[in-house]
N, C-alpha and C. Protein backbone atom coordinates (compact mmCIF):
# COMPACT_ATOMS: atom_id res chain seq x y z
N MET A 1 0.85 -1.17 0.00
CA MET A 1 0.00 0.00 0.00
C MET A 1 0.89 1.22 0.00
N LYS A 2 0.55 2.20 -0.82
CA LYS A 2 1.33 3.42 -0.91
C LYS A 2 0.46 4.62 -0.58
N LEU A 3 1.03 5.52 0.19
CA LEU A 3 0.36 6.76 0.55
C LEU A 3 1.27 7.91 0.19
N GLU A 4 0.70 8.99 -0.29
CA GLU A 4 1.50 10.18 -0.53
C GLU A 4 1.76 10.87 0.79
N LYS A 5 2.95 11.39 0.94
CA LYS A 5 3.30 12.11 2.16
C LYS A 5 2.67 13.49 2.13
N THR A 6 2.35 13.99 3.30
CA THR A 6 1.83 15.35 3.42
C THR A 6 2.77 16.14 4.30
N ASN A 7 2.63 17.45 4.27
CA ASN A 7 3.45 18.30 5.11
C ASN A 7 3.00 18.26 6.56
N ASN A 8 1.76 17.86 6.82
CA ASN A 8 1.21 17.90 8.16
C ASN A 8 1.25 16.51 8.78
N THR A 9 2.46 16.04 9.11
CA THR A 9 2.57 14.69 9.66
C THR A 9 2.09 14.62 11.09
N ASP A 10 2.02 15.74 11.79
CA ASP A 10 1.52 15.72 13.16
C ASP A 10 0.08 15.28 13.24
N ALA A 11 -0.65 15.43 12.16
CA ALA A 11 -2.05 15.06 12.17
C ALA A 11 -2.25 13.56 12.19
N GLY A 12 -1.23 12.81 11.75
CA GLY A 12 -1.39 11.37 11.70
C GLY A 12 -2.29 10.95 10.56
N LEU A 13 -2.54 11.84 9.63
CA LEU A 13 -3.42 11.57 8.51
C LEU A 13 -2.63 11.69 7.22
N ALA A 14 -3.01 10.93 6.23
CA ALA A 14 -2.33 10.98 4.96
C ALA A 14 -3.32 11.30 3.86
N GLN A 15 -2.82 11.95 2.81
CA GLN A 15 -3.69 12.26 1.69
C GLN A 15 -3.53 11.22 0.60
N GLU A 16 -4.52 11.17 -0.27
CA GLU A 16 -4.53 10.25 -1.41
C GLU A 16 -4.29 8.80 -0.99
N PRO A 17 -5.17 8.23 -0.20
CA PRO A 17 -4.98 6.85 0.22
C PRO A 17 -5.12 5.88 -0.94
N ALA A 18 -4.31 4.84 -0.91
CA ALA A 18 -4.37 3.84 -1.97
C ALA A 18 -5.33 2.71 -1.61
N THR A 19 -5.69 2.61 -0.34
CA THR A 19 -6.60 1.56 0.09
C THR A 19 -7.63 2.14 1.04
N GLN A 20 -8.50 1.28 1.54
CA GLN A 20 -9.59 1.72 2.40
C GLN A 20 -9.09 2.37 3.68
N ASN A 21 -8.11 1.79 4.35
CA ASN A 21 -7.61 2.38 5.58
C ASN A 21 -6.52 3.39 5.24
N ALA A 22 -6.88 4.64 5.25
CA ALA A 22 -6.00 5.71 4.79
C ALA A 22 -4.81 5.94 5.70
N TYR A 23 -4.80 5.38 6.89
CA TYR A 23 -3.78 5.71 7.86
C TYR A 23 -2.87 4.54 8.18
N ALA A 24 -2.98 3.46 7.46
CA ALA A 24 -2.30 2.23 7.83
C ALA A 24 -0.78 2.37 7.88
N GLU A 25 -0.19 3.24 7.06
CA GLU A 25 1.26 3.33 7.03
C GLU A 25 1.80 4.61 7.63
N THR A 26 0.97 5.40 8.28
CA THR A 26 1.49 6.58 8.96
C THR A 26 2.10 6.14 10.27
N SER A 27 2.92 6.97 10.85
CA SER A 27 3.61 6.62 12.09
C SER A 27 2.61 6.37 13.21
N ALA A 28 2.58 5.15 13.69
CA ALA A 28 1.69 4.81 14.79
C ALA A 28 2.06 5.64 16.00
N GLY A 29 1.05 6.15 16.67
CA GLY A 29 1.27 6.93 17.87
C GLY A 29 1.38 8.42 17.62
N ARG A 30 1.51 8.83 16.37
CA ARG A 30 1.62 10.26 16.06
C ARG A 30 0.25 10.79 15.70
N GLY A 31 -0.10 11.89 16.25
CA GLY A 31 -1.36 12.53 15.90
C GLY A 31 -2.54 11.93 16.64
N SER A 32 -3.63 12.66 16.59
CA SER A 32 -4.81 12.26 17.35
C SER A 32 -5.46 10.99 16.80
N TYR A 33 -5.38 10.76 15.49
CA TYR A 33 -6.02 9.58 14.91
C TYR A 33 -5.55 8.29 15.59
N TRP A 34 -4.25 8.15 15.76
CA TRP A 34 -3.69 6.92 16.31
C TRP A 34 -3.93 6.76 17.79
N GLN A 35 -4.33 7.82 18.47
CA GLN A 35 -4.65 7.73 19.89
C GLN A 35 -6.12 7.37 20.12
N LEU A 36 -6.92 7.38 19.06
CA LEU A 36 -8.33 7.05 19.18
C LEU A 36 -8.53 5.56 19.41
N ASN A 37 -9.64 5.23 20.07
CA ASN A 37 -9.98 3.82 20.20
C ASN A 37 -10.42 3.29 18.83
N PRO A 38 -10.43 1.99 18.63
CA PRO A 38 -10.75 1.41 17.32
C PRO A 38 -12.10 1.84 16.74
N VAL A 39 -13.09 2.02 17.59
CA VAL A 39 -14.42 2.42 17.11
C VAL A 39 -14.36 3.82 16.50
N PHE A 40 -13.69 4.75 17.17
CA PHE A 40 -13.57 6.11 16.65
C PHE A 40 -12.71 6.16 15.38
N ARG A 41 -11.64 5.32 15.34
CA ARG A 41 -10.82 5.28 14.12
C ARG A 41 -11.65 4.77 12.95
N GLU A 42 -12.48 3.77 13.20
CA GLU A 42 -13.34 3.25 12.13
C GLU A 42 -14.30 4.32 11.64
N LEU A 43 -14.81 5.13 12.55
CA LEU A 43 -15.71 6.22 12.18
C LEU A 43 -15.02 7.19 11.22
N ILE A 44 -13.77 7.54 11.51
CA ILE A 44 -13.01 8.43 10.63
C ILE A 44 -12.78 7.76 9.28
N ASP A 45 -12.43 6.49 9.27
CA ASP A 45 -12.20 5.76 8.02
C ASP A 45 -13.47 5.73 7.16
N ILE A 46 -14.60 5.50 7.80
CA ILE A 46 -15.88 5.47 7.07
C ILE A 46 -16.18 6.84 6.48
N TYR A 47 -15.93 7.91 7.24
CA TYR A 47 -16.15 9.26 6.72
C TYR A 47 -15.28 9.50 5.49
N ARG A 48 -14.01 9.11 5.55
CA ARG A 48 -13.11 9.33 4.41
C ARG A 48 -13.61 8.59 3.17
N ASP A 49 -14.01 7.34 3.34
CA ASP A 49 -14.53 6.56 2.22
C ASP A 49 -15.79 7.20 1.65
N SER A 50 -16.67 7.60 2.52
CA SER A 50 -17.92 8.23 2.11
C SER A 50 -17.65 9.55 1.37
N GLY A 51 -16.74 10.34 1.89
CA GLY A 51 -16.40 11.61 1.26
C GLY A 51 -15.86 11.44 -0.14
N LYS A 52 -15.01 10.44 -0.31
CA LYS A 52 -14.47 10.17 -1.65
C LYS A 52 -15.58 9.76 -2.62
N LYS A 53 -16.49 8.91 -2.15
CA LYS A 53 -17.60 8.47 -3.00
C LYS A 53 -18.53 9.62 -3.36
N ARG A 54 -18.65 10.58 -2.44
CA ARG A 54 -19.52 11.74 -2.68
C ARG A 54 -18.84 12.81 -3.51
N GLY A 55 -17.56 12.62 -3.80
CA GLY A 55 -16.85 13.56 -4.66
C GLY A 55 -16.28 14.77 -3.94
N LEU A 56 -16.11 14.67 -2.62
CA LEU A 56 -15.50 15.78 -1.88
C LEU A 56 -14.03 15.89 -2.26
N LYS A 57 -13.52 17.11 -2.22
CA LYS A 57 -12.10 17.31 -2.50
C LYS A 57 -11.28 16.65 -1.40
N GLU A 58 -10.11 16.14 -1.79
CA GLU A 58 -9.23 15.48 -0.82
C GLU A 58 -8.85 16.43 0.31
N SER A 59 -8.66 17.70 0.00
CA SER A 59 -8.30 18.65 1.06
C SER A 59 -9.44 18.82 2.06
N THR A 60 -10.67 18.76 1.60
CA THR A 60 -11.83 18.85 2.50
C THR A 60 -11.89 17.63 3.40
N ILE A 61 -11.70 16.46 2.81
CA ILE A 61 -11.73 15.22 3.57
C ILE A 61 -10.61 15.23 4.61
N TYR A 62 -9.43 15.65 4.21
CA TYR A 62 -8.29 15.67 5.11
C TYR A 62 -8.53 16.60 6.30
N LYS A 63 -8.95 17.83 6.00
CA LYS A 63 -9.16 18.82 7.07
C LYS A 63 -10.28 18.39 8.02
N THR A 64 -11.34 17.86 7.47
CA THR A 64 -12.46 17.42 8.31
C THR A 64 -12.05 16.21 9.15
N SER A 65 -11.30 15.29 8.57
CA SER A 65 -10.83 14.12 9.31
C SER A 65 -9.90 14.54 10.45
N PHE A 66 -9.04 15.50 10.18
CA PHE A 66 -8.14 16.01 11.20
C PHE A 66 -8.93 16.62 12.36
N SER A 67 -9.89 17.46 12.03
CA SER A 67 -10.71 18.11 13.06
C SER A 67 -11.52 17.08 13.85
N ALA A 68 -12.12 16.15 13.14
CA ALA A 68 -12.94 15.13 13.80
C ALA A 68 -12.08 14.25 14.71
N SER A 69 -10.89 13.91 14.27
CA SER A 69 -10.00 13.10 15.10
C SER A 69 -9.64 13.83 16.39
N SER A 70 -9.36 15.11 16.27
CA SER A 70 -9.03 15.92 17.45
C SER A 70 -10.23 16.00 18.40
N PHE A 71 -11.40 16.22 17.85
CA PHE A 71 -12.62 16.31 18.67
C PHE A 71 -12.90 14.97 19.36
N LEU A 72 -12.85 13.88 18.60
CA LEU A 72 -13.13 12.57 19.19
C LEU A 72 -12.11 12.21 20.26
N LEU A 73 -10.85 12.58 20.05
CA LEU A 73 -9.85 12.30 21.07
C LEU A 73 -10.14 13.08 22.34
N ALA A 74 -10.56 14.32 22.22
CA ALA A 74 -10.91 15.11 23.41
C ALA A 74 -12.09 14.47 24.15
N MET A 75 -13.08 14.00 23.40
CA MET A 75 -14.22 13.33 24.02
C MET A 75 -13.78 12.01 24.69
N GLN A 76 -12.93 11.28 24.01
CA GLN A 76 -12.44 10.01 24.56
C GLN A 76 -11.66 10.25 25.85
N ASN A 77 -10.85 11.29 25.87
CA ASN A 77 -10.04 11.58 27.06
C ASN A 77 -10.89 12.08 28.24
N ARG A 78 -12.02 12.68 27.94
CA ARG A 78 -12.92 13.14 29.01
C ARG A 78 -13.72 12.00 29.62
N GLY A 79 -13.86 10.94 28.85
CA GLY A 79 -14.58 9.76 29.38
C GLY A 79 -15.95 9.64 28.99
């Protein structure tokens, strides 16, 4: 699986995924996505797949995924 690198590696998100799981080859543990529990990560993955099918721009999907990951991590950390 190949992913294009992005300048925003702190996000733990990659652009232009080659497969369904867009984050499989990013550095584990970096960014809010990798700190999410599996259910929340699946939610982000489903959103990315849905966004691509709906024709959203990759930049829109990326930014929204980044924001959602940050929000879900804050909720997860609060309990």
